[in-house]
Structure formats: structure tokens, C-alpha cells
Amino acid sequence: MLAQNLFTTIKKDREFRQVYKNSKSMANKLLIIYIMKNQSESNRVGLTVSKKVGKSVVRSRVKRLMKESFRLNHHRIKNGYDIVFVARIGCNEATYHEIESAMLHLFKKMHLTK
């Protein structure tokens, strides 16, 4: 039996702006996290990678790695949050395990782990 997806994605610019404006944030070497309580039972996640990180191929790779890290670890975090991750310049050469470790570190620092 497949586990149900307990998160959706943030896609609209105004949703990203709302999270940036009304959230708590924290950063480490690779990622910045913004979290805001939402009115639902599930999490919503948004991923952004600036052009400063690299060209489109590099940005797409970083976004894929971030998405996979979140997908494999979303069961570890509390529900009811809008979460936005911003990739920092160091992500362009980071491995999957480094990005996953940075993401888990931020979850722990923001007290999002179950």
C-alpha cells in the first residue's frame, strides 16, 4: 500500500512572498529555511534556487536534490507548516548527502522534527 503524500508544493509568487513576510527563518552553509504555520493538516513546500547558484542545468540539479531530500524525510517533520527552502551558492557543488544533512539540521534547529 502506498503512503499518502502529506505535502503539496508552493508555486505561486504571492504564496512565496507571504511565507517570506510572515515566517521564521534560519540558515546554514547550504540552505535557508523559512517556516510559517498554515491552516491545514499537511505541509506545503517551496524550493527556490537563484541564478547565483549556477546555470539552468546546475539549478535544476540542486532543485532535484532538494526535492528528493524533502520527499524522503517529510515523515520526520510536524504537519501544518508552509516551508520554503532557498539554495545558497555552496549547493552548486554539494552532494545529495550534504544537502540532505543540511536540511535535517535546519529541521532540528527549527524544532520541526516529530
C-alpha atoms as a PDB file:
ATOM      1  CA  MET A   1       0.000   0.000   0.000  1.00  0.00           C
ATOM      2  CA  LEU A   2       1.339   3.429  -0.897  1.00  0.00           C
ATOM      3  CA  ALA A   3       1.836   6.020   1.820  1.00  0.00           C
ATOM      4  CA  GLN A   4      -0.193   9.150   1.263  1.00  0.00           C
ATOM      5  CA  ASN A   5       1.592  12.336   0.354  1.00  0.00           C
ATOM      6  CA  LEU A   6       1.423  14.695   3.318  1.00  0.00           C
ATOM      7  CA  PHE A   7       2.768  17.695   1.485  1.00  0.00           C
ATOM      8  CA  THR A   8       1.991  19.822  -1.546  1.00  0.00           C
ATOM      9  CA  THR A   9       4.093  22.401  -3.329  1.00  0.00           C
ATOM     10  CA  ILE A  10       4.043  26.172  -3.155  1.00  0.00           C
ATOM     11  CA  LYS A  11       4.059  27.504  -6.704  1.00  0.00           C
ATOM     12  CA  LYS A  12       2.550  30.988  -6.768  1.00  0.00           C
ATOM     13  CA  ASP A  13       4.674  34.077  -6.249  1.00  0.00           C
ATOM     14  CA  ARG A  14       2.232  35.582  -3.740  1.00  0.00           C
ATOM     15  CA  GLU A  15       2.390  32.395  -1.647  1.00  0.00           C
ATOM     16  CA  PHE A  16       6.200  32.591  -1.563  1.00  0.00           C
ATOM     17  CA  ARG A  17       6.012  36.288  -0.618  1.00  0.00           C
ATOM     18  CA  GLN A  18       3.554  35.540   2.169  1.00  0.00           C
ATOM     19  CA  VAL A  19       5.891  32.926   3.643  1.00  0.00           C
ATOM     20  CA  TYR A  20       8.918  35.251   3.376  1.00  0.00           C
ATOM     21  CA  LYS A  21       6.990  38.077   5.065  1.00  0.00           C
ATOM     22  CA  ASN A  22       5.345  36.154   7.925  1.00  0.00           C
ATOM     23  CA  SER A  23       7.855  33.463   8.755  1.00  0.00           C
ATOM     24  CA  LYS A  24      10.730  32.490  10.978  1.00  0.00           C
ATOM     25  CA  SER A  25      13.968  31.762   9.180  1.00  0.00           C
ATOM     26  CA  MET A  26      17.318  30.148   9.762  1.00  0.00           C
ATOM     27  CA  ALA A  27      20.301  29.338   7.583  1.00  0.00           C
ATOM     28  CA  ASN A  28      23.299  27.069   7.389  1.00  0.00           C
ATOM     29  CA  LYS A  29      26.103  26.738   4.856  1.00  0.00           C
ATOM     30  CA  LEU A  30      23.918  25.317   2.060  1.00  0.00           C
ATOM     31  CA  LEU A  31      20.287  26.245   2.704  1.00  0.00           C
ATOM     32  CA  ILE A  32      17.995  28.888   4.133  1.00  0.00           C
ATOM     33  CA  ILE A  33      14.664  27.752   5.578  1.00  0.00           C
ATOM     34  CA  TYR A  34      11.530  29.848   6.101  1.00  0.00           C
ATOM     35  CA  ILE A  35       8.666  28.306   8.077  1.00  0.00           C
ATOM     36  CA  MET A  36       5.166  29.579   8.709  1.00  0.00           C
ATOM     37  CA  LYS A  37       2.173  27.849  10.301  1.00  0.00           C
ATOM     38  CA  ASN A  38      -0.630  27.180   7.833  1.00  0.00           C
ATOM     39  CA  GLN A  39      -4.298  26.377   8.386  1.00  0.00           C
ATOM     40  CA  SER A  40      -4.166  22.780   7.140  1.00  0.00           C
ATOM     41  CA  GLU A  41      -3.179  19.305   8.280  1.00  0.00           C
ATOM     42  CA  SER A  42      -0.435  18.985   5.673  1.00  0.00           C
ATOM     43  CA  ASN A  43       2.806  20.717   4.851  1.00  0.00           C
ATOM     44  CA  ARG A  44       3.419  22.803   1.764  1.00  0.00           C
ATOM     45  CA  VAL A  45       6.947  23.122   0.476  1.00  0.00           C
ATOM     46  CA  GLY A  46       8.564  25.571  -1.937  1.00  0.00           C
ATOM     47  CA  LEU A  47      12.068  25.370  -3.367  1.00  0.00           C
ATOM     48  CA  THR A  48      13.990  28.266  -4.863  1.00  0.00           C
ATOM     49  CA  VAL A  49      17.396  28.329  -6.486  1.00  0.00           C
ATOM     50  CA  SER A  50      18.846  31.680  -7.534  1.00  0.00           C
ATOM     51  CA  LYS A  51      20.781  32.288 -10.723  1.00  0.00           C
ATOM     52  CA  LYS A  52      23.764  33.000  -8.482  1.00  0.00           C
ATOM     53  CA  VAL A  53      23.981  29.251  -7.848  1.00  0.00           C
ATOM     54  CA  GLY A  54      24.716  28.472 -11.491  1.00  0.00           C
ATOM     55  CA  LYS A  55      23.306  27.978 -14.942  1.00  0.00           C
ATOM     56  CA  SER A  56      19.993  26.212 -15.533  1.00  0.00           C
ATOM     57  CA  VAL A  57      21.461  22.693 -15.545  1.00  0.00           C
ATOM     58  CA  VAL A  58      23.088  23.268 -12.146  1.00  0.00           C
ATOM     59  CA  ARG A  59      19.968  24.935 -10.704  1.00  0.00           C
ATOM     60  CA  SER A  60      17.778  22.059 -11.897  1.00  0.00           C
ATOM     61  CA  ARG A  61      20.123  19.510 -10.332  1.00  0.00           C
ATOM     62  CA  VAL A  62      20.126  21.357  -7.000  1.00  0.00           C
ATOM     63  CA  LYS A  63      16.330  21.605  -7.046  1.00  0.00           C
ATOM     64  CA  ARG A  64      16.008  17.867  -7.784  1.00  0.00           C
ATOM     65  CA  LEU A  65      18.338  17.026  -4.898  1.00  0.00           C
ATOM     66  CA  MET A  66      16.416  19.310  -2.519  1.00  0.00           C
ATOM     67  CA  LYS A  67      13.068  17.857  -3.620  1.00  0.00           C
ATOM     68  CA  GLU A  68      14.261  14.278  -3.138  1.00  0.00           C
ATOM     69  CA  SER A  69      15.749  15.083   0.283  1.00  0.00           C
ATOM     70  CA  PHE A  70      12.437  16.550   1.410  1.00  0.00           C
ATOM     71  CA  ARG A  71      10.396  13.714  -0.080  1.00  0.00           C
ATOM     72  CA  LEU A  72      12.406  11.047   1.744  1.00  0.00           C
ATOM     73  CA  ASN A  73      12.345  12.903   5.077  1.00  0.00           C
ATOM     74  CA  HIS A  74       8.944  14.620   5.206  1.00  0.00           C
ATOM     75  CA  HIS A  75       7.600  11.892   7.517  1.00  0.00           C
ATOM     76  CA  ARG A  76      10.045  13.107  10.191  1.00  0.00           C
ATOM     77  CA  ILE A  77       8.606  16.615  10.470  1.00  0.00           C
ATOM     78  CA  LYS A  78       5.493  18.033  12.090  1.00  0.00           C
ATOM     79  CA  ASN A  79       2.462  18.790   9.915  1.00  0.00           C
ATOM     80  CA  GLY A  80       0.766  22.145   9.368  1.00  0.00           C
ATOM     81  CA  TYR A  81       3.594  24.302   8.020  1.00  0.00           C
ATOM     82  CA  ASP A  82       4.485  26.202   4.876  1.00  0.00           C
ATOM     83  CA  ILE A  83       8.189  25.601   4.325  1.00  0.00           C
ATOM     84  CA  VAL A  84      10.377  27.390   1.788  1.00  0.00           C
ATOM     85  CA  PHE A  85      13.970  26.378   1.115  1.00  0.00           C
ATOM     86  CA  VAL A  86      16.385  28.709  -0.640  1.00  0.00           C
ATOM     87  CA  ALA A  87      19.588  27.187  -2.002  1.00  0.00           C
ATOM     88  CA  ARG A  88      22.775  29.068  -1.247  1.00  0.00           C
ATOM     89  CA  ILE A  89      25.758  29.302  -3.587  1.00  0.00           C
ATOM     90  CA  GLY A  90      27.543  26.352  -1.931  1.00  0.00           C
ATOM     91  CA  CYS A  91      24.828  23.987  -3.204  1.00  0.00           C
ATOM     92  CA  ASN A  92      26.208  24.034  -6.736  1.00  0.00           C
ATOM     93  CA  GLU A  93      28.930  21.522  -5.813  1.00  0.00           C
ATOM     94  CA  ALA A  94      27.167  19.745  -2.937  1.00  0.00           C
ATOM     95  CA  THR A  95      26.292  16.061  -2.989  1.00  0.00           C
ATOM     96  CA  TYR A  96      22.881  14.641  -2.185  1.00  0.00           C
ATOM     97  CA  HIS A  97      24.016  13.596   1.297  1.00  0.00           C
ATOM     98  CA  GLU A  98      25.344  17.073   2.087  1.00  0.00           C
ATOM     99  CA  ILE A  99      22.045  18.688   1.057  1.00  0.00           C
ATOM    100  CA  GLU A 100      20.042  16.110   2.999  1.00  0.00           C
ATOM    101  CA  SER A 101      22.208  16.657   6.071  1.00  0.00           C
ATOM    102  CA  ALA A 102      21.788  20.453   5.807  1.00  0.00           C
ATOM    103  CA  MET A 103      18.014  20.044   5.503  1.00  0.00           C
ATOM    104  CA  LEU A 104      17.781  17.734   8.532  1.00  0.00           C
ATOM    105  CA  HIS A 105      19.988  20.129  10.509  1.00  0.00           C
ATOM    106  CA  LEU A 106      17.595  23.006   9.786  1.00  0.00           C
ATOM    107  CA  PHE A 107      14.555  20.891  10.714  1.00  0.00           C
ATOM    108  CA  LYS A 108      16.163  20.110  14.044  1.00  0.00           C
ATOM    109  CA  LYS A 109      17.179  23.743  14.717  1.00  0.00           C
ATOM    110  CA  MET A 110      13.653  24.989  13.917  1.00  0.00           C
ATOM    111  CA  HIS A 111      12.104  22.303  16.194  1.00  0.00           C
ATOM    112  CA  LEU A 112      10.159  20.760  13.315  1.00  0.00           C
ATOM    113  CA  THR A 113      11.116  17.140  13.972  1.00  0.00           C
ATOM    114  CA  LYS A 114       8.499  14.837  15.485  1.00  0.00           C
END
